[in-house]
Amino acid sequence: MRGPTARHDTAEVVPGRGQYTEDARRQRLEWLRGHSGAALTSLESTGLDAYNLVGNVENFIGSVEVPVGLAGPLLFAGDSVRGEVVAPLATTEGALVASASRGARVVSVSGGVSRVLSQRMTRDPVFECADLAAAHRLTGWLREQRAALEAQVRLVSRHTRPVDVDPHQIGRYLHVRFVFESADAAWQNMTTVATWQICRWLTDALAAREELRPRNMLLEGNLSGDKKSTVGSMPAGRGTRVTAECRLSRDTVASVLKTTPEAMVKNHVSTVLGAQQIGMPGHGVNAANIVAALFVARP
C-alpha cells in the first residue's frame, strides 16, 4: 500500500521535448489543455515557425500578442545618433506611451539630449582555491596574463574587447570580474562565451601548477550583478552608461508638463529621501516599465 509520503515512481514530462515542429507544438498544447483544464484558445495559432526558434525557447507551445505604441519623437544630439527618434513600447499599461511622449516632447523642444560615456558588460567567474594563500597567488598570476586573456577573447569574438580584469578575493574564493566592450553585439551572450573561453584556457594552463590550480570553478559567481539590481552597478555601470543634460524653460514646463520648475524640484527631493530611507539602488521614479516595454518591442 502506498503511504501518504510515498513518491511517484515516475514524473510527468512535457511531450515532444527537443522537437521544433508544428506537430510537437500542438502535442504540447493539447497536453497543457488536459493538464490545466483551460481552453487556451489564444495559443491555438501562431505566426512563428517552430523550427526558427531552435536555441531561443524550449517546449514551444505558441505566442502572445502585445500591443505596441510609438513614444516620441525624442531629439538626440549625440555623437552617433542625431535627429528625432521614436521608440516602440510594448505594453498594456495605459498612459505609459503618452507619459513617455510628453517627456520626449518637452526635452525635444528644449534642444534634445544625450551622450554615451561608455559601454560595459561583465561576467564574474569564481574560483575555489585550496586556501587563502593559493587564492592570493592566483590573483597575482592573473594580473600578469592580460595579453594572454585578450588573445583568448579574440579566438571566439571579433567584436568583444576586454577592458578590465578585476579580481576580488573573498577568503579562499577568488571572484574575477571580466569587463568587456562589445560594440553593437549581443553583450551578455558574447561576454559569457568570451569568459568561458578564458576559463577553459586557464584550466589547461594551470593543470600542472599545484600551487595555483583552483579546486573548483563556476562561470558566474554573482559579483557581476547579472539581471539583478545591485549597489555596485550604480557607480561601476553595467551596459551602456549615458549622461544627458537638457535645460527646460519655465514656459515649456508650464505648457507641456502643466507644472512649475519649483514643484518638480520639490517633488524630486521628496522621492530621493524616500529612496534613501528604503535603501533603493537609484531613485528613478518610473523607468523599469519603460525599459521593459522597449525590450519586449525589439524585433
C-alpha atoms as a PDB file:
ATOM      1  CA  MET A   1       0.000   0.000   0.000  1.00  0.00           C
ATOM      2  CA  ARG A   2       1.283   3.451  -0.935  1.00  0.00           C
ATOM      3  CA  GLY A   3       1.611   5.668   2.129  1.00  0.00           C
ATOM      4  CA  PRO A   4       0.828   9.392   2.189  1.00  0.00           C
ATOM      5  CA  THR A   5       4.508  10.334   1.982  1.00  0.00           C
ATOM      6  CA  ALA A   6       5.430   7.871  -0.755  1.00  0.00           C
ATOM      7  CA  ARG A   7       6.791   9.328  -4.006  1.00  0.00           C
ATOM      8  CA  HIS A   8       5.610   8.639  -7.536  1.00  0.00           C
ATOM      9  CA  ASP A   9       7.773   6.139  -9.403  1.00  0.00           C
ATOM     10  CA  THR A  10       7.753   8.373 -12.498  1.00  0.00           C
ATOM     11  CA  ALA A  11       7.238  12.070 -13.134  1.00  0.00           C
ATOM     12  CA  GLU A  12       5.249  13.545 -15.995  1.00  0.00           C
ATOM     13  CA  VAL A  13       7.225  15.100 -18.796  1.00  0.00           C
ATOM     14  CA  VAL A  14       6.157  17.599 -21.415  1.00  0.00           C
ATOM     15  CA  PRO A  15       5.630  15.739 -24.733  1.00  0.00           C
ATOM     16  CA  GLY A  16       7.841  16.353 -27.744  1.00  0.00           C
ATOM     17  CA  ARG A  17      10.791  17.644 -25.747  1.00  0.00           C
ATOM     18  CA  GLY A  18      13.594  18.803 -28.008  1.00  0.00           C
ATOM     19  CA  GLN A  19      11.348  18.759 -31.088  1.00  0.00           C
ATOM     20  CA  TYR A  20      10.815  22.001 -33.030  1.00  0.00           C
ATOM     21  CA  THR A  21       7.904  21.103 -35.303  1.00  0.00           C
ATOM     22  CA  GLU A  22       4.293  22.202 -35.609  1.00  0.00           C
ATOM     23  CA  ASP A  23       3.111  18.693 -34.679  1.00  0.00           C
ATOM     24  CA  ALA A  24       5.202  18.752 -31.496  1.00  0.00           C
ATOM     25  CA  ARG A  25       3.875  22.224 -30.635  1.00  0.00           C
ATOM     26  CA  ARG A  26       0.281  21.017 -30.947  1.00  0.00           C
ATOM     27  CA  GLN A  27       1.016  17.906 -28.872  1.00  0.00           C
ATOM     28  CA  ARG A  28       2.343  20.091 -26.075  1.00  0.00           C
ATOM     29  CA  LEU A  29      -0.617  22.445 -26.340  1.00  0.00           C
ATOM     30  CA  GLU A  30      -3.127  19.585 -26.097  1.00  0.00           C
ATOM     31  CA  TRP A  31      -1.184  18.137 -23.162  1.00  0.00           C
ATOM     32  CA  LEU A  32      -1.315  21.513 -21.378  1.00  0.00           C
ATOM     33  CA  ARG A  33      -5.048  21.808 -22.008  1.00  0.00           C
ATOM     34  CA  GLY A  34      -5.636  18.467 -20.376  1.00  0.00           C
ATOM     35  CA  HIS A  35      -3.202  19.231 -17.576  1.00  0.00           C
ATOM     36  CA  SER A  36      -4.653  22.666 -16.753  1.00  0.00           C
ATOM     37  CA  GLY A  37      -8.287  22.321 -17.773  1.00  0.00           C
ATOM     38  CA  ALA A  38      -8.076  25.642 -19.628  1.00  0.00           C
ATOM     39  CA  ALA A  39      -9.133  26.118 -23.253  1.00  0.00           C
ATOM     40  CA  LEU A  40      -6.061  28.202 -24.163  1.00  0.00           C
ATOM     41  CA  THR A  41      -7.714  29.408 -27.358  1.00  0.00           C
ATOM     42  CA  SER A  42      -5.276  32.311 -27.708  1.00  0.00           C
ATOM     43  CA  LEU A  43      -2.464  29.790 -28.281  1.00  0.00           C
ATOM     44  CA  GLU A  44      -4.272  27.832 -30.994  1.00  0.00           C
ATOM     45  CA  SER A  45      -2.405  29.565 -33.810  1.00  0.00           C
ATOM     46  CA  THR A  46       0.887  31.432 -34.031  1.00  0.00           C
ATOM     47  CA  GLY A  47       2.738  33.360 -36.685  1.00  0.00           C
ATOM     48  CA  LEU A  48       6.073  31.928 -35.552  1.00  0.00           C
ATOM     49  CA  ASP A  49       7.781  28.977 -37.210  1.00  0.00           C
ATOM     50  CA  ALA A  50       8.765  26.484 -34.510  1.00  0.00           C
ATOM     51  CA  TYR A  51      11.923  25.432 -36.380  1.00  0.00           C
ATOM     52  CA  ASN A  52      13.240  29.001 -36.370  1.00  0.00           C
ATOM     53  CA  LEU A  53      13.111  29.074 -32.551  1.00  0.00           C
ATOM     54  CA  VAL A  54      15.848  26.478 -32.000  1.00  0.00           C
ATOM     55  CA  GLY A  55      18.133  27.897 -29.321  1.00  0.00           C
ATOM     56  CA  ASN A  56      15.632  30.593 -28.304  1.00  0.00           C
ATOM     57  CA  VAL A  57      12.901  28.749 -26.385  1.00  0.00           C
ATOM     58  CA  GLU A  58      12.226  25.198 -25.245  1.00  0.00           C
ATOM     59  CA  ASN A  59       8.894  23.322 -25.225  1.00  0.00           C
ATOM     60  CA  PHE A  60       7.366  25.906 -27.571  1.00  0.00           C
ATOM     61  CA  ILE A  61       3.534  25.990 -27.459  1.00  0.00           C
ATOM     62  CA  GLY A  62       2.609  29.359 -29.002  1.00  0.00           C
ATOM     63  CA  SER A  63       2.985  33.091 -28.816  1.00  0.00           C
ATOM     64  CA  VAL A  64       1.170  36.029 -27.260  1.00  0.00           C
ATOM     65  CA  GLU A  65       0.348  39.352 -28.845  1.00  0.00           C
ATOM     66  CA  VAL A  66       1.290  42.542 -27.043  1.00  0.00           C
ATOM     67  CA  PRO A  67       0.138  45.938 -28.326  1.00  0.00           C
ATOM     68  CA  VAL A  68       2.970  48.240 -29.394  1.00  0.00           C
ATOM     69  CA  GLY A  69       2.708  52.024 -29.349  1.00  0.00           C
ATOM     70  CA  LEU A  70       5.140  54.689 -30.537  1.00  0.00           C
ATOM     71  CA  ALA A  71       6.624  57.052 -27.965  1.00  0.00           C
ATOM     72  CA  GLY A  72       8.354  60.221 -29.024  1.00  0.00           C
ATOM     73  CA  PRO A  73       9.851  61.562 -31.136  1.00  0.00           C
ATOM     74  CA  LEU A  74      12.834  62.466 -28.960  1.00  0.00           C
ATOM     75  CA  LEU A  75      15.538  64.736 -30.327  1.00  0.00           C
ATOM     76  CA  PHE A  76      19.064  63.330 -29.933  1.00  0.00           C
ATOM     77  CA  ALA A  77      22.189  65.435 -30.236  1.00  0.00           C
ATOM     78  CA  GLY A  78      24.813  62.783 -29.566  1.00  0.00           C
ATOM     79  CA  ASP A  79      27.972  61.616 -31.300  1.00  0.00           C
ATOM     80  CA  SER A  80      26.437  58.586 -33.035  1.00  0.00           C
ATOM     81  CA  VAL A  81      22.741  59.456 -33.134  1.00  0.00           C
ATOM     82  CA  ARG A  82      21.448  62.834 -34.217  1.00  0.00           C
ATOM     83  CA  GLY A  83      17.902  63.808 -35.063  1.00  0.00           C
ATOM     84  CA  GLU A  84      14.462  62.718 -33.923  1.00  0.00           C
ATOM     85  CA  VAL A  85      13.978  59.095 -32.837  1.00  0.00           C
ATOM     86  CA  VAL A  86      10.762  57.265 -31.954  1.00  0.00           C
ATOM     87  CA  ALA A  87      10.659  54.311 -29.556  1.00  0.00           C
ATOM     88  CA  PRO A  88       8.261  51.340 -29.870  1.00  0.00           C
ATOM     89  CA  LEU A  89       6.867  50.390 -26.448  1.00  0.00           C
ATOM     90  CA  ALA A  90       5.123  47.021 -25.988  1.00  0.00           C
ATOM     91  CA  THR A  91       2.723  47.475 -23.088  1.00  0.00           C
ATOM     92  CA  THR A  92      -0.845  47.339 -21.831  1.00  0.00           C
ATOM     93  CA  GLU A  93      -0.177  49.975 -19.169  1.00  0.00           C
ATOM     94  CA  GLY A  94      -2.456  52.852 -20.010  1.00  0.00           C
ATOM     95  CA  ALA A  95      -0.744  56.269 -20.257  1.00  0.00           C
ATOM     96  CA  LEU A  96       2.792  54.830 -20.381  1.00  0.00           C
ATOM     97  CA  VAL A  97       3.290  55.750 -24.045  1.00  0.00           C
ATOM     98  CA  ALA A  98       1.596  59.119 -23.525  1.00  0.00           C
ATOM     99  CA  SER A  99       3.767  59.876 -20.498  1.00  0.00           C
ATOM    100  CA  ALA A 100       6.990  58.965 -22.327  1.00  0.00           C
ATOM    101  CA  SER A 101       5.908  61.007 -25.336  1.00  0.00           C
ATOM    102  CA  ARG A 102       5.173  64.015 -23.164  1.00  0.00           C
ATOM    103  CA  GLY A 103       8.653  63.823 -21.657  1.00  0.00           C
ATOM    104  CA  ALA A 104      10.190  63.399 -25.105  1.00  0.00           C
ATOM    105  CA  ARG A 105       8.338  66.460 -26.356  1.00  0.00           C
ATOM    106  CA  VAL A 106       9.454  68.762 -23.559  1.00  0.00           C
ATOM    107  CA  VAL A 107      13.075  67.622 -23.984  1.00  0.00           C
ATOM    108  CA  SER A 108      12.993  67.919 -27.787  1.00  0.00           C
ATOM    109  CA  VAL A 109      11.537  71.413 -27.667  1.00  0.00           C
ATOM    110  CA  SER A 110      14.376  72.338 -25.318  1.00  0.00           C
ATOM    111  CA  GLY A 111      17.159  71.160 -27.641  1.00  0.00           C
ATOM    112  CA  GLY A 112      17.492  67.388 -27.206  1.00  0.00           C
ATOM    113  CA  VAL A 113      19.815  65.190 -25.170  1.00  0.00           C
ATOM    114  CA  SER A 114      22.404  62.516 -24.925  1.00  0.00           C
ATOM    115  CA  ARG A 115      25.966  61.425 -24.884  1.00  0.00           C
ATOM    116  CA  VAL A 116      27.185  57.856 -24.401  1.00  0.00           C
ATOM    117  CA  LEU A 117      30.048  57.714 -21.913  1.00  0.00           C
ATOM    118  CA  SER A 118      30.903  54.015 -22.081  1.00  0.00           C
ATOM    119  CA  GLN A 119      29.683  50.520 -22.864  1.00  0.00           C
ATOM    120  CA  ARG A 120      30.440  47.863 -20.303  1.00  0.00           C
ATOM    121  CA  MET A 121      29.290  44.315 -19.672  1.00  0.00           C
ATOM    122  CA  THR A 122      30.699  41.970 -17.064  1.00  0.00           C
ATOM    123  CA  ARG A 123      30.946  38.288 -16.233  1.00  0.00           C
ATOM    124  CA  ASP A 124      32.240  37.019 -12.877  1.00  0.00           C
ATOM    125  CA  PRO A 125      33.680  33.503 -12.723  1.00  0.00           C
ATOM    126  CA  VAL A 126      34.597  32.367  -9.223  1.00  0.00           C
ATOM    127  CA  PHE A 127      37.493  30.045  -8.420  1.00  0.00           C
ATOM    128  CA  GLU A 128      37.625  27.971  -5.240  1.00  0.00           C
ATOM    129  CA  CYS A 129      41.241  27.667  -4.154  1.00  0.00           C
ATOM    130  CA  ALA A 130      42.910  25.382  -1.624  1.00  0.00           C
ATOM    131  CA  ASP A 131      43.386  28.149   0.933  1.00  0.00           C
ATOM    132  CA  LEU A 132      43.849  31.910   1.344  1.00  0.00           C
ATOM    133  CA  ALA A 133      47.448  31.830   0.179  1.00  0.00           C
ATOM    134  CA  ALA A 134      46.564  29.945  -3.002  1.00  0.00           C
ATOM    135  CA  ALA A 135      43.827  32.450  -3.820  1.00  0.00           C
ATOM    136  CA  HIS A 136      46.312  35.265  -3.304  1.00  0.00           C
ATOM    137  CA  ARG A 137      48.871  33.611  -5.588  1.00  0.00           C
ATOM    138  CA  LEU A 138      46.234  33.067  -8.297  1.00  0.00           C
ATOM    139  CA  THR A 139      45.311  36.759  -8.079  1.00  0.00           C
ATOM    140  CA  GLY A 140      48.897  37.798  -8.758  1.00  0.00           C
ATOM    141  CA  TRP A 141      49.248  35.318 -11.624  1.00  0.00           C
ATOM    142  CA  LEU A 142      46.057  36.563 -13.303  1.00  0.00           C
ATOM    143  CA  ARG A 143      47.266  40.171 -13.190  1.00  0.00           C
ATOM    144  CA  GLU A 144      50.256  39.110 -15.315  1.00  0.00           C
ATOM    145  CA  GLN A 145      48.167  37.367 -18.003  1.00  0.00           C
ATOM    146  CA  ARG A 146      46.426  40.339 -19.639  1.00  0.00           C
ATOM    147  CA  ALA A 147      47.883  39.734 -23.113  1.00  0.00           C
ATOM    148  CA  ALA A 148      47.050  36.019 -22.970  1.00  0.00           C
ATOM    149  CA  LEU A 149      43.480  36.762 -21.846  1.00  0.00           C
ATOM    150  CA  GLU A 150      42.954  39.203 -24.716  1.00  0.00           C
ATOM    151  CA  ALA A 151      44.252  36.577 -27.157  1.00  0.00           C
ATOM    152  CA  GLN A 152      41.710  34.050 -25.871  1.00  0.00           C
ATOM    153  CA  VAL A 153      38.858  36.516 -26.367  1.00  0.00           C
ATOM    154  CA  ARG A 154      39.931  37.120 -29.982  1.00  0.00           C
ATOM    155  CA  LEU A 155      39.619  33.393 -30.654  1.00  0.00           C
ATOM    156  CA  VAL A 156      35.839  33.486 -30.120  1.00  0.00           C
ATOM    157  CA  SER A 157      34.782  37.054 -30.957  1.00  0.00           C
ATOM    158  CA  ARG A 158      35.702  39.800 -33.393  1.00  0.00           C
ATOM    159  CA  HIS A 159      33.617  42.368 -31.530  1.00  0.00           C
ATOM    160  CA  THR A 160      34.330  41.827 -27.834  1.00  0.00           C
ATOM    161  CA  ARG A 161      37.232  43.694 -26.255  1.00  0.00           C
ATOM    162  CA  PRO A 162      38.316  43.127 -22.629  1.00  0.00           C
ATOM    163  CA  VAL A 163      38.800  46.470 -20.899  1.00  0.00           C
ATOM    164  CA  ASP A 164      39.409  45.349 -17.311  1.00  0.00           C
ATOM    165  CA  VAL A 165      40.205  42.294 -15.200  1.00  0.00           C
ATOM    166  CA  ASP A 166      39.115  42.976 -11.625  1.00  0.00           C
ATOM    167  CA  PRO A 167      39.941  40.227  -9.049  1.00  0.00           C
ATOM    168  CA  HIS A 168      38.110  40.166  -5.693  1.00  0.00           C
ATOM    169  CA  GLN A 169      39.365  37.670  -3.122  1.00  0.00           C
ATOM    170  CA  ILE A 170      36.779  36.555  -0.559  1.00  0.00           C
ATOM    171  CA  GLY A 171      38.515  34.083   1.722  1.00  0.00           C
ATOM    172  CA  ARG A 172      39.723  31.173  -0.395  1.00  0.00           C
ATOM    173  CA  TYR A 173      37.306  32.122  -3.179  1.00  0.00           C
ATOM    174  CA  LEU A 174      38.568  34.343  -5.964  1.00  0.00           C
ATOM    175  CA  HIS A 175      35.924  36.240  -7.924  1.00  0.00           C
ATOM    176  CA  VAL A 176      37.182  37.802 -11.158  1.00  0.00           C
ATOM    177  CA  ARG A 177      35.078  40.476 -12.834  1.00  0.00           C
ATOM    178  CA  PHE A 178      35.895  40.429 -16.535  1.00  0.00           C
ATOM    179  CA  VAL A 179      34.738  43.716 -18.043  1.00  0.00           C
ATOM    180  CA  PHE A 180      34.135  43.867 -21.796  1.00  0.00           C
ATOM    181  CA  GLU A 181      33.125  46.228 -24.552  1.00  0.00           C
ATOM    182  CA  SER A 182      31.298  44.513 -27.419  1.00  0.00           C
ATOM    183  CA  ALA A 183      30.211  47.329 -29.768  1.00  0.00           C
ATOM    184  CA  ASP A 184      26.724  46.544 -31.124  1.00  0.00           C
ATOM    185  CA  ALA A 185      26.875  42.788 -30.482  1.00  0.00           C
ATOM    186  CA  ALA A 186      24.563  40.972 -28.054  1.00  0.00           C
ATOM    187  CA  TRP A 187      26.530  41.713 -24.924  1.00  0.00           C
ATOM    188  CA  GLN A 188      25.741  39.185 -22.242  1.00  0.00           C
ATOM    189  CA  ASN A 189      25.858  36.144 -24.521  1.00  0.00           C
ATOM    190  CA  MET A 190      29.070  37.393 -26.092  1.00  0.00           C
ATOM    191  CA  THR A 191      30.758  38.067 -22.755  1.00  0.00           C
ATOM    192  CA  THR A 192      29.691  34.634 -21.492  1.00  0.00           C
ATOM    193  CA  VAL A 193      31.308  32.939 -24.484  1.00  0.00           C
ATOM    194  CA  ALA A 194      34.482  35.010 -24.072  1.00  0.00           C
ATOM    195  CA  THR A 195      34.705  34.298 -20.342  1.00  0.00           C
ATOM    196  CA  TRP A 196      34.106  30.586 -20.860  1.00  0.00           C
ATOM    197  CA  GLN A 197      36.992  30.517 -23.336  1.00  0.00           C
ATOM    198  CA  ILE A 198      39.215  32.241 -20.782  1.00  0.00           C
ATOM    199  CA  CYS A 199      38.215  29.729 -18.094  1.00  0.00           C
ATOM    200  CA  ARG A 200      38.946  26.765 -20.392  1.00  0.00           C
ATOM    201  CA  TRP A 201      42.359  28.203 -21.192  1.00  0.00           C
ATOM    202  CA  LEU A 202      43.051  28.904 -17.515  1.00  0.00           C
ATOM    203  CA  THR A 203      42.134  25.321 -16.558  1.00  0.00           C
ATOM    204  CA  ASP A 204      44.582  23.934 -19.135  1.00  0.00           C
ATOM    205  CA  ALA A 205      47.326  26.428 -18.287  1.00  0.00           C
ATOM    206  CA  LEU A 206      47.203  25.561 -14.577  1.00  0.00           C
ATOM    207  CA  ALA A 207      46.725  21.805 -14.907  1.00  0.00           C
ATOM    208  CA  ALA A 208      50.280  21.136 -13.728  1.00  0.00           C
ATOM    209  CA  ARG A 209      50.567  24.098 -11.332  1.00  0.00           C
ATOM    210  CA  GLU A 210      49.506  22.643  -7.994  1.00  0.00           C
ATOM    211  CA  GLU A 211      50.266  25.889  -6.149  1.00  0.00           C
ATOM    212  CA  LEU A 212      47.875  27.842  -8.408  1.00  0.00           C
ATOM    213  CA  ARG A 213      45.318  25.346  -9.701  1.00  0.00           C
ATOM    214  CA  PRO A 214      41.772  26.028  -8.369  1.00  0.00           C
ATOM    215  CA  ARG A 215      39.830  23.165  -6.843  1.00  0.00           C
ATOM    216  CA  ASN A 216      36.605  24.238  -8.483  1.00  0.00           C
ATOM    217  CA  MET A 217      35.306  26.851 -10.902  1.00  0.00           C
ATOM    218  CA  LEU A 218      31.875  28.400 -11.531  1.00  0.00           C
ATOM    219  CA  LEU A 219      31.283  30.546 -14.612  1.00  0.00           C
ATOM    220  CA  GLU A 220      29.183  33.132 -12.758  1.00  0.00           C
ATOM    221  CA  GLY A 221      29.679  33.858  -9.072  1.00  0.00           C
ATOM    222  CA  ASN A 222      27.064  36.665  -8.853  1.00  0.00           C
ATOM    223  CA  LEU A 223      29.523  39.534  -8.459  1.00  0.00           C
ATOM    224  CA  SER A 224      28.616  40.790 -11.930  1.00  0.00           C
ATOM    225  CA  GLY A 225      25.059  41.545 -10.779  1.00  0.00           C
ATOM    226  CA  ASP A 226      23.627  39.858 -13.876  1.00  0.00           C
ATOM    227  CA  LYS A 227      19.852  40.502 -14.205  1.00  0.00           C
ATOM    228  CA  LYS A 228      19.668  41.949 -10.702  1.00  0.00           C
ATOM    229  CA  SER A 229      19.667  45.416  -9.203  1.00  0.00           C
ATOM    230  CA  THR A 230      22.873  45.961  -7.230  1.00  0.00           C
ATOM    231  CA  VAL A 231      24.518  48.800  -5.374  1.00  0.00           C
ATOM    232  CA  GLY A 232      27.761  48.115  -7.271  1.00  0.00           C
ATOM    233  CA  SER A 233      26.115  48.684 -10.647  1.00  0.00           C
ATOM    234  CA  MET A 234      25.370  52.295  -9.734  1.00  0.00           C
ATOM    235  CA  PRO A 235      28.977  53.588  -9.672  1.00  0.00           C
ATOM    236  CA  ALA A 236      30.547  50.922 -11.923  1.00  0.00           C
ATOM    237  CA  GLY A 237      27.833  50.805 -14.557  1.00  0.00           C
ATOM    238  CA  ARG A 238      26.509  47.808 -16.452  1.00  0.00           C
ATOM    239  CA  GLY A 239      25.536  48.048 -20.106  1.00  0.00           C
ATOM    240  CA  THR A 240      25.576  51.465 -21.731  1.00  0.00           C
ATOM    241  CA  ARG A 241      26.397  54.377 -19.446  1.00  0.00           C
ATOM    242  CA  VAL A 242      24.810  57.586 -20.675  1.00  0.00           C
ATOM    243  CA  THR A 243      24.754  61.118 -19.391  1.00  0.00           C
ATOM    244  CA  ALA A 244      22.061  63.508 -20.542  1.00  0.00           C
ATOM    245  CA  GLU A 245      21.519  67.194 -19.939  1.00  0.00           C
ATOM    246  CA  CYS A 246      18.703  69.462 -21.053  1.00  0.00           C
ATOM    247  CA  ARG A 247      17.748  72.939 -19.900  1.00  0.00           C
ATOM    248  CA  LEU A 248      13.961  73.344 -19.728  1.00  0.00           C
ATOM    249  CA  SER A 249      12.435  76.805 -19.875  1.00  0.00           C
ATOM    250  CA  ARG A 250       9.710  77.788 -17.445  1.00  0.00           C
ATOM    251  CA  ASP A 251       7.280  78.320 -20.315  1.00  0.00           C
ATOM    252  CA  THR A 252       7.944  74.828 -21.728  1.00  0.00           C
ATOM    253  CA  VAL A 253       7.461  73.196 -18.329  1.00  0.00           C
ATOM    254  CA  ALA A 254       4.180  75.064 -17.888  1.00  0.00           C
ATOM    255  CA  SER A 255       2.783  74.403 -21.371  1.00  0.00           C
ATOM    256  CA  VAL A 256       3.801  70.740 -21.806  1.00  0.00           C
ATOM    257  CA  LEU A 257       4.105  69.356 -18.281  1.00  0.00           C
ATOM    258  CA  LYS A 258       1.450  71.611 -16.690  1.00  0.00           C
ATOM    259  CA  THR A 259       3.594  72.365 -13.650  1.00  0.00           C
ATOM    260  CA  THR A 260       6.428  74.620 -12.455  1.00  0.00           C
ATOM    261  CA  PRO A 261      10.190  74.044 -12.040  1.00  0.00           C
ATOM    262  CA  GLU A 262       9.845  74.694  -8.300  1.00  0.00           C
ATOM    263  CA  ALA A 263       7.217  71.958  -7.915  1.00  0.00           C
ATOM    264  CA  MET A 264       9.325  69.474  -9.882  1.00  0.00           C
ATOM    265  CA  VAL A 265      12.416  70.116  -7.746  1.00  0.00           C
ATOM    266  CA  LYS A 266      10.410  69.885  -4.524  1.00  0.00           C
ATOM    267  CA  ASN A 267       8.887  66.554  -5.510  1.00  0.00           C
ATOM    268  CA  HIS A 268      12.281  65.244  -6.664  1.00  0.00           C
ATOM    269  CA  VAL A 269      13.801  65.968  -3.253  1.00  0.00           C
ATOM    270  CA  SER A 270      10.930  64.108  -1.572  1.00  0.00           C
ATOM    271  CA  THR A 271      11.375  60.995  -3.711  1.00  0.00           C
ATOM    272  CA  VAL A 272      15.151  60.929  -3.164  1.00  0.00           C
ATOM    273  CA  LEU A 273      14.621  60.974   0.605  1.00  0.00           C
ATOM    274  CA  GLY A 274      12.155  58.108   0.341  1.00  0.00           C
ATOM    275  CA  ALA A 275      14.546  56.105  -1.816  1.00  0.00           C
ATOM    276  CA  GLN A 276      17.382  56.636   0.661  1.00  0.00           C
ATOM    277  CA  GLN A 277      15.268  55.505   3.608  1.00  0.00           C
ATOM    278  CA  ILE A 278      14.276  52.235   1.970  1.00  0.00           C
ATOM    279  CA  GLY A 279      17.784  51.547   0.613  1.00  0.00           C
ATOM    280  CA  MET A 280      16.802  51.785  -3.054  1.00  0.00           C
ATOM    281  CA  PRO A 281      19.663  51.480  -5.592  1.00  0.00           C
ATOM    282  CA  GLY A 282      18.988  54.676  -7.519  1.00  0.00           C
ATOM    283  CA  HIS A 283      15.895  56.809  -7.216  1.00  0.00           C
ATOM    284  CA  GLY A 284      14.285  56.895 -10.664  1.00  0.00           C
ATOM    285  CA  VAL A 285      10.527  57.190 -10.246  1.00  0.00           C
ATOM    286  CA  ASN A 286       9.253  55.305 -13.284  1.00  0.00           C
ATOM    287  CA  ALA A 287      11.928  53.784 -15.513  1.00  0.00           C
ATOM    288  CA  ALA A 288      11.670  49.985 -15.207  1.00  0.00           C
ATOM    289  CA  ASN A 289       8.369  49.652 -17.073  1.00  0.00           C
ATOM    290  CA  ILE A 290       9.600  51.788 -19.990  1.00  0.00           C
ATOM    291  CA  VAL A 291      12.811  49.768 -20.248  1.00  0.00           C
ATOM    292  CA  ALA A 292      10.803  46.516 -20.153  1.00  0.00           C
ATOM    293  CA  ALA A 293       8.433  47.815 -22.850  1.00  0.00           C
ATOM    294  CA  LEU A 294      11.377  48.717 -25.073  1.00  0.00           C
ATOM    295  CA  PHE A 295      12.912  45.251 -24.726  1.00  0.00           C
ATOM    296  CA  VAL A 296       9.632  43.450 -25.427  1.00  0.00           C
ATOM    297  CA  ALA A 297       9.111  45.553 -28.552  1.00  0.00           C
ATOM    298  CA  ARG A 298      12.528  44.730 -30.017  1.00  0.00           C
ATOM    299  CA  PRO A 299      12.164  42.869 -33.332  1.00  0.00           C
END
